[in-house]
Amino acid sequence: MSFIDLHAHLLPHWDDGSDSWKTTMEMLRQGAADGISQVVCTPHVMSKKDLDEESTIIKLYNELLQRAAAEHLDIRLHLGAELFIQPDIDFSRRIATYGGNRRYFLVEFPMNLIPDFVAKTFFDCLLEEHIPVVAHPERYARILADSSKAFDFVERGALLQINAGSLLGTFGQNVRATAITLLDHQLAAVVSSDAHDVKMRPLKLKAAFQFVCDRWGSEQAQRLFVDNPRRILAGEEVTVEPIRPAEGPQDATEKFKSLLRKVGIKK
C-alpha cells in the first residue's frame, strides 16, 4: 500500500517541525520505509507576514527536492502550507493551496476557540472557489466538548483531516475518542501524519492505516489514506457522506460524554 500524506512539517528552521536537515532526511527515510509514496510539505503560515515570506519557503522546498534526489529516496514531494485561520487569505500564492492547485487548502484554527467570523463569513466567502481541509479537528476544544460541532464544518462544505497520532493515542485518550467518533460518523475525508520529528510525531501512517482497516474496513482505509488524498492533490472532487446521530443535539452530546467516561475521561 502506498500512502499519500497531506500534512507534514518537513522544512527545517521554519516552524516547530524539523529542527535540521539531518532530521528532515531521517523523517523522509522513515516515511518511505513506512509505505508513504507522496508527502506534502505544509509549513505553518501564521499570518500575512509569513505568507509574504513565500520565497523563503519555496527556497527550502527546492533544497529539499535536491537533497531527496541525491539520496534517491522513493518518495514524491509536494508543497503547500498549514494556514492559520484568517479572513483574507491570498489564494494567488503558490503555497496557499495543495501543490498550487488553487482549490484545496489546509487550514488550522486556534485550539481553544473557533473565531466567530468563521461561521459568519469564512465559508460563505471561500467555498465558491476554494475548499478548506480542516487540520486535526479532533484536537479543538470546541469539538472535544461537543463532537456534533464537526458536522457544521462538513455541512458547510469543508473536509476534515484526522491525525494518525490521534487514532493511536499520541495526544491522549480524549482526543483519540473524539477522532474515533468522527470516523464512526464518516465525517473525516483524510488521515495524515502531521509529522514534526522522528520520535514523538514521526512521518508514519501504516499503524493508523491498520487501525482503520481493523475497525472500519479496508475500503474506508483506502479512501482515507490513498484515494481522497490523491483527489485533493489533483484538485478533483471529494465526497463524504456523514452519518448524523438519530438523537437530538443534546442527546448526541450526552452520548459522546458517555463514550468518554467509558474510556476513563471525566467531562
Protein backbone atom coordinates (compact mmCIF):
# COMPACT_ATOMS: atom_id res chain seq x y z
CA MET A 1 0.00 0.00 0.00
CA SER A 2 1.33 3.42 -0.99
CA PHE A 3 0.05 6.17 1.31
CA ILE A 4 -0.28 9.86 0.46
CA ASP A 5 0.39 12.22 3.36
CA LEU A 6 -1.17 15.69 3.09
CA HIS A 7 0.21 17.22 6.30
CA ALA A 8 3.87 17.19 7.36
CA HIS A 9 6.29 19.75 8.78
CA LEU A 10 9.45 18.78 6.95
CA LEU A 11 11.08 22.09 6.09
CA PRO A 12 13.78 22.80 8.70
CA HIS A 13 14.24 26.04 10.64
CA TRP A 14 10.81 27.38 9.75
CA ASP A 15 8.28 26.28 12.38
CA ASP A 16 8.01 23.76 15.23
CA GLY A 17 8.66 20.87 12.86
CA SER A 18 12.05 19.58 11.73
CA ASP A 19 14.96 21.26 13.51
CA SER A 20 17.66 20.39 10.95
CA TRP A 21 18.29 18.93 7.52
CA LYS A 22 19.50 15.78 9.25
CA THR A 23 16.12 15.38 10.96
CA THR A 24 14.26 16.16 7.73
CA MET A 25 16.10 13.48 5.77
CA GLU A 26 15.64 10.94 8.54
CA MET A 27 11.91 11.73 8.54
CA LEU A 28 11.75 11.14 4.78
CA ARG A 29 13.61 7.84 5.04
CA GLN A 30 11.24 6.87 7.83
CA GLY A 31 8.22 7.74 5.70
CA ALA A 32 9.45 5.86 2.66
CA ALA A 33 10.09 2.77 4.78
CA ASP A 34 6.59 3.07 6.25
CA GLY A 35 4.95 2.97 2.81
CA ILE A 36 4.40 6.69 2.17
CA SER A 37 4.88 7.36 -1.54
CA GLN A 38 3.90 11.05 -1.59
CA VAL A 39 4.01 13.76 1.07
CA VAL A 40 3.09 17.44 1.11
CA CYS A 41 5.33 19.89 2.96
CA THR A 42 2.90 22.06 4.94
CA PRO A 43 4.88 24.64 6.95
CA HIS A 44 2.90 26.76 9.39
CA VAL A 45 1.82 30.10 7.93
CA MET A 46 0.52 32.04 10.89
CA SER A 47 -0.06 35.46 9.33
CA LYS A 48 0.13 37.56 6.19
CA LYS A 49 3.73 38.30 7.16
CA ASP A 50 4.56 34.60 6.91
CA LEU A 51 2.76 34.38 3.59
CA ASP A 52 4.88 37.26 2.33
CA GLU A 53 7.91 35.07 3.11
CA GLU A 54 6.77 32.58 0.49
CA SER A 55 10.07 32.83 -1.38
CA THR A 56 11.94 31.56 1.70
CA ILE A 57 9.61 28.57 1.96
CA ILE A 58 9.99 27.79 -1.74
CA LYS A 59 13.77 28.01 -1.42
CA LEU A 60 13.73 25.49 1.45
CA TYR A 61 11.42 23.23 -0.54
CA ASN A 62 13.68 23.33 -3.62
CA GLU A 63 16.67 22.42 -1.48
CA LEU A 64 14.68 19.53 -0.02
CA LEU A 65 13.93 18.29 -3.55
CA GLN A 66 17.65 18.33 -4.34
CA ARG A 67 18.63 16.53 -1.14
CA ALA A 68 15.92 13.87 -1.61
CA ALA A 69 17.01 13.29 -5.21
CA ALA A 70 20.65 12.96 -4.15
CA GLU A 71 19.67 10.19 -1.74
CA HIS A 72 17.42 8.52 -4.35
CA LEU A 73 14.52 8.46 -1.91
CA ASP A 74 11.44 6.77 -3.29
CA ILE A 75 9.01 9.44 -2.10
CA ARG A 76 7.43 12.25 -4.10
CA LEU A 77 7.35 15.71 -2.53
CA HIS A 78 4.74 18.45 -2.93
CA LEU A 79 4.41 21.94 -1.48
CA GLY A 80 1.58 23.59 0.42
CA ALA A 81 1.10 25.21 3.82
CA GLU A 82 -0.88 24.90 7.03
CA LEU A 83 -2.65 28.26 7.06
CA PHE A 84 -3.74 29.70 10.38
CA ILE A 85 -7.31 30.93 10.03
CA GLN A 86 -7.67 34.50 8.81
CA PRO A 87 -10.43 36.22 6.82
CA ASP A 88 -8.25 37.44 3.94
CA ILE A 89 -6.11 34.54 2.69
CA ASP A 90 -4.31 35.34 -0.57
CA PHE A 91 -5.02 32.30 -2.72
CA SER A 92 -2.88 33.60 -5.56
CA ARG A 93 0.16 32.47 -3.57
CA ARG A 94 1.72 29.22 -4.71
CA ILE A 95 1.91 27.81 -1.19
CA ALA A 96 -1.67 28.68 -0.23
CA THR A 97 -3.21 25.58 -1.80
CA TYR A 98 -2.08 21.98 -2.21
CA GLY A 99 0.50 21.87 -4.98
CA GLY A 100 -0.75 25.27 -6.10
CA ASN A 101 -3.96 23.69 -7.40
CA ARG A 102 -6.00 26.80 -6.38
CA ARG A 103 -8.77 24.61 -4.95
CA TYR A 104 -7.95 22.82 -1.68
CA PHE A 105 -6.12 24.42 1.23
CA LEU A 106 -5.11 23.15 4.68
CA VAL A 107 -6.37 25.39 7.48
CA GLU A 108 -5.81 25.39 11.22
CA PHE A 109 -7.93 27.04 13.94
CA PRO A 110 -6.95 28.10 17.45
CA MET A 111 -7.02 25.07 19.72
CA ASN A 112 -9.19 26.71 22.39
CA LEU A 113 -11.75 28.53 20.27
CA ILE A 114 -13.20 28.91 16.79
CA PRO A 115 -13.49 32.58 15.76
CA ASP A 116 -16.97 33.98 15.18
CA PHE A 117 -16.08 35.18 11.70
CA VAL A 118 -15.67 31.58 10.58
CA ALA A 119 -19.39 30.87 10.80
CA LYS A 120 -20.38 34.35 9.61
CA THR A 121 -18.16 34.94 6.60
CA PHE A 122 -15.31 32.46 6.16
CA PHE A 123 -17.10 29.57 4.50
CA ASP A 124 -19.59 31.71 2.60
CA CYS A 125 -16.81 33.76 1.02
CA LEU A 126 -14.41 30.95 0.20
CA LEU A 127 -16.38 27.88 -0.74
CA GLU A 128 -17.35 29.22 -4.15
CA GLU A 129 -13.81 28.55 -5.38
CA HIS A 130 -11.75 27.14 -2.52
CA ILE A 131 -12.36 24.17 -0.23
CA PRO A 132 -10.80 24.09 3.24
CA VAL A 133 -9.26 20.91 4.60
CA VAL A 134 -9.56 21.43 8.35
CA ALA A 135 -6.45 20.18 10.15
CA HIS A 136 -6.93 17.85 13.14
CA PRO A 137 -10.48 18.89 14.22
CA GLU A 138 -10.36 16.17 16.89
CA ARG A 139 -7.91 18.35 18.85
CA TYR A 140 -10.02 21.52 19.01
CA ALA A 141 -11.58 22.26 22.40
CA ARG A 142 -14.99 23.07 20.93
CA ILE A 143 -15.22 19.72 19.13
CA LEU A 144 -13.75 17.85 22.09
CA ALA A 145 -16.58 19.29 24.18
CA ASP A 146 -19.25 18.57 21.56
CA SER A 147 -18.39 16.33 18.61
CA SER A 148 -21.59 17.34 16.80
CA LYS A 149 -19.88 20.68 16.03
CA ALA A 150 -17.83 18.82 13.44
CA PHE A 151 -20.99 18.36 11.38
CA ASP A 152 -21.12 22.15 10.96
CA PHE A 153 -17.80 22.13 9.12
CA VAL A 154 -18.76 19.26 6.83
CA GLU A 155 -22.24 20.57 6.09
CA ARG A 156 -20.71 23.89 5.01
CA GLY A 157 -18.51 22.05 2.52
CA ALA A 158 -15.22 21.63 4.39
CA LEU A 159 -13.22 18.41 4.55
CA LEU A 160 -11.77 17.11 7.81
CA GLN A 161 -8.23 15.76 8.22
CA ILE A 162 -7.61 13.47 11.20
CA ASN A 163 -4.09 12.99 12.58
CA ALA A 164 -2.74 9.44 12.53
CA GLY A 165 -1.33 10.01 16.00
CA SER A 166 -4.76 10.93 17.32
CA LEU A 167 -6.05 7.47 16.42
CA LEU A 168 -3.07 5.86 18.16
CA GLY A 169 -3.34 7.85 21.40
CA THR A 170 -0.43 10.24 20.85
CA PHE A 171 -2.49 13.21 22.03
CA GLY A 172 -4.31 11.42 24.84
CA GLN A 173 -7.46 9.33 25.18
CA ASN A 174 -9.82 12.31 24.97
CA VAL A 175 -8.53 13.23 21.51
CA ARG A 176 -8.44 9.56 20.49
CA ALA A 177 -12.07 9.05 21.47
CA THR A 178 -13.07 12.15 19.52
CA ALA A 179 -11.18 11.01 16.41
CA ILE A 180 -12.88 7.62 16.61
CA THR A 181 -16.28 9.28 16.97
CA LEU A 182 -15.66 11.43 13.89
CA LEU A 183 -14.73 8.35 11.89
CA ASP A 184 -17.68 6.39 13.26
CA HIS A 185 -19.90 9.07 11.72
CA GLN A 186 -17.89 9.17 8.47
CA LEU A 187 -17.02 12.83 8.92
CA ALA A 188 -13.33 12.55 8.05
CA ALA A 189 -12.03 12.71 4.50
CA VAL A 190 -8.31 12.20 5.14
CA VAL A 191 -5.87 10.79 7.69
CA SER A 192 -2.40 12.39 7.67
CA SER A 193 0.68 12.20 9.86
CA ASP A 194 1.11 15.89 10.84
CA ALA A 195 4.73 14.81 11.26
CA HIS A 196 7.03 17.12 13.21
CA ASP A 197 10.02 14.97 14.15
CA VAL A 198 11.39 11.44 14.19
CA LYS A 199 10.24 10.11 17.58
CA MET A 200 7.17 11.82 19.02
CA ARG A 201 5.34 12.75 15.79
CA PRO A 202 7.00 10.75 13.01
CA LEU A 203 6.27 10.55 9.29
CA LYS A 204 4.35 7.29 9.63
CA LEU A 205 0.87 6.15 8.60
CA LYS A 206 0.97 2.36 8.49
CA ALA A 207 -0.11 1.71 12.09
CA ALA A 208 -3.04 4.12 11.80
CA PHE A 209 -3.98 2.58 8.44
CA GLN A 210 -4.11 -0.85 10.04
CA PHE A 211 -6.22 0.50 12.91
CA VAL A 212 -8.73 1.91 10.42
CA CYS A 213 -8.74 -1.35 8.45
CA ASP A 214 -9.48 -3.35 11.58
CA ARG A 215 -12.26 -1.06 12.82
CA TRP A 216 -13.92 0.32 9.67
CA GLY A 217 -12.68 -1.93 6.86
CA SER A 218 -10.09 -1.80 4.09
CA GLU A 219 -12.26 0.21 1.68
CA GLN A 220 -12.61 3.06 4.16
CA ALA A 221 -8.88 2.93 4.89
CA GLN A 222 -8.13 3.11 1.16
CA ARG A 223 -10.28 6.24 0.85
CA LEU A 224 -8.74 7.99 3.86
CA PHE A 225 -5.07 7.24 3.20
CA VAL A 226 -4.88 6.97 -0.60
CA ASP A 227 -7.89 7.86 -2.75
CA ASN A 228 -9.08 11.11 -1.14
CA PRO A 229 -5.56 12.49 -0.64
CA ARG A 230 -4.83 11.78 -4.31
CA ARG A 231 -8.02 13.58 -5.38
CA ILE A 232 -7.25 16.58 -3.18
CA LEU A 233 -3.75 16.92 -4.65
CA ALA A 234 -5.22 16.69 -8.16
CA GLY A 235 -7.91 19.26 -7.37
CA GLU A 236 -10.64 16.69 -8.02
CA GLU A 237 -14.00 16.29 -6.30
CA VAL A 238 -14.04 14.61 -2.89
CA THR A 239 -17.31 13.42 -1.40
CA VAL A 240 -18.09 12.49 2.20
CA GLU A 241 -21.41 11.14 3.43
CA PRO A 242 -21.63 11.77 7.18
CA ILE A 243 -23.95 9.77 9.38
CA ARG A 244 -25.84 12.05 11.74
CA PRO A 245 -26.83 10.64 15.13
CA ALA A 246 -30.53 9.87 15.39
CA GLU A 247 -30.66 11.77 18.68
CA GLY A 248 -31.14 15.48 19.08
CA PRO A 249 -28.07 17.68 19.66
CA GLN A 250 -28.27 17.49 23.45
CA ASP A 251 -28.72 13.72 23.44
CA ALA A 252 -25.85 13.34 20.99
CA THR A 253 -23.60 15.38 23.25
CA GLU A 254 -24.53 13.29 26.29
CA LYS A 255 -23.88 10.11 24.34
CA PHE A 256 -20.44 11.43 23.39
CA LYS A 257 -19.68 12.31 27.01
CA SER A 258 -20.77 8.80 27.99
CA LEU A 259 -18.27 7.41 25.48
CA LEU A 260 -15.51 9.48 27.06
CA ARG A 261 -16.45 8.19 30.52
CA LYS A 262 -16.17 4.62 29.22
CA VAL A 263 -12.55 5.21 28.32
CA GLY A 264 -11.91 6.81 31.69
CA ILE A 265 -12.25 10.51 30.83
CA LYS A 266 -14.40 12.76 33.00
CA LYS A 267 -16.38 15.57 31.38
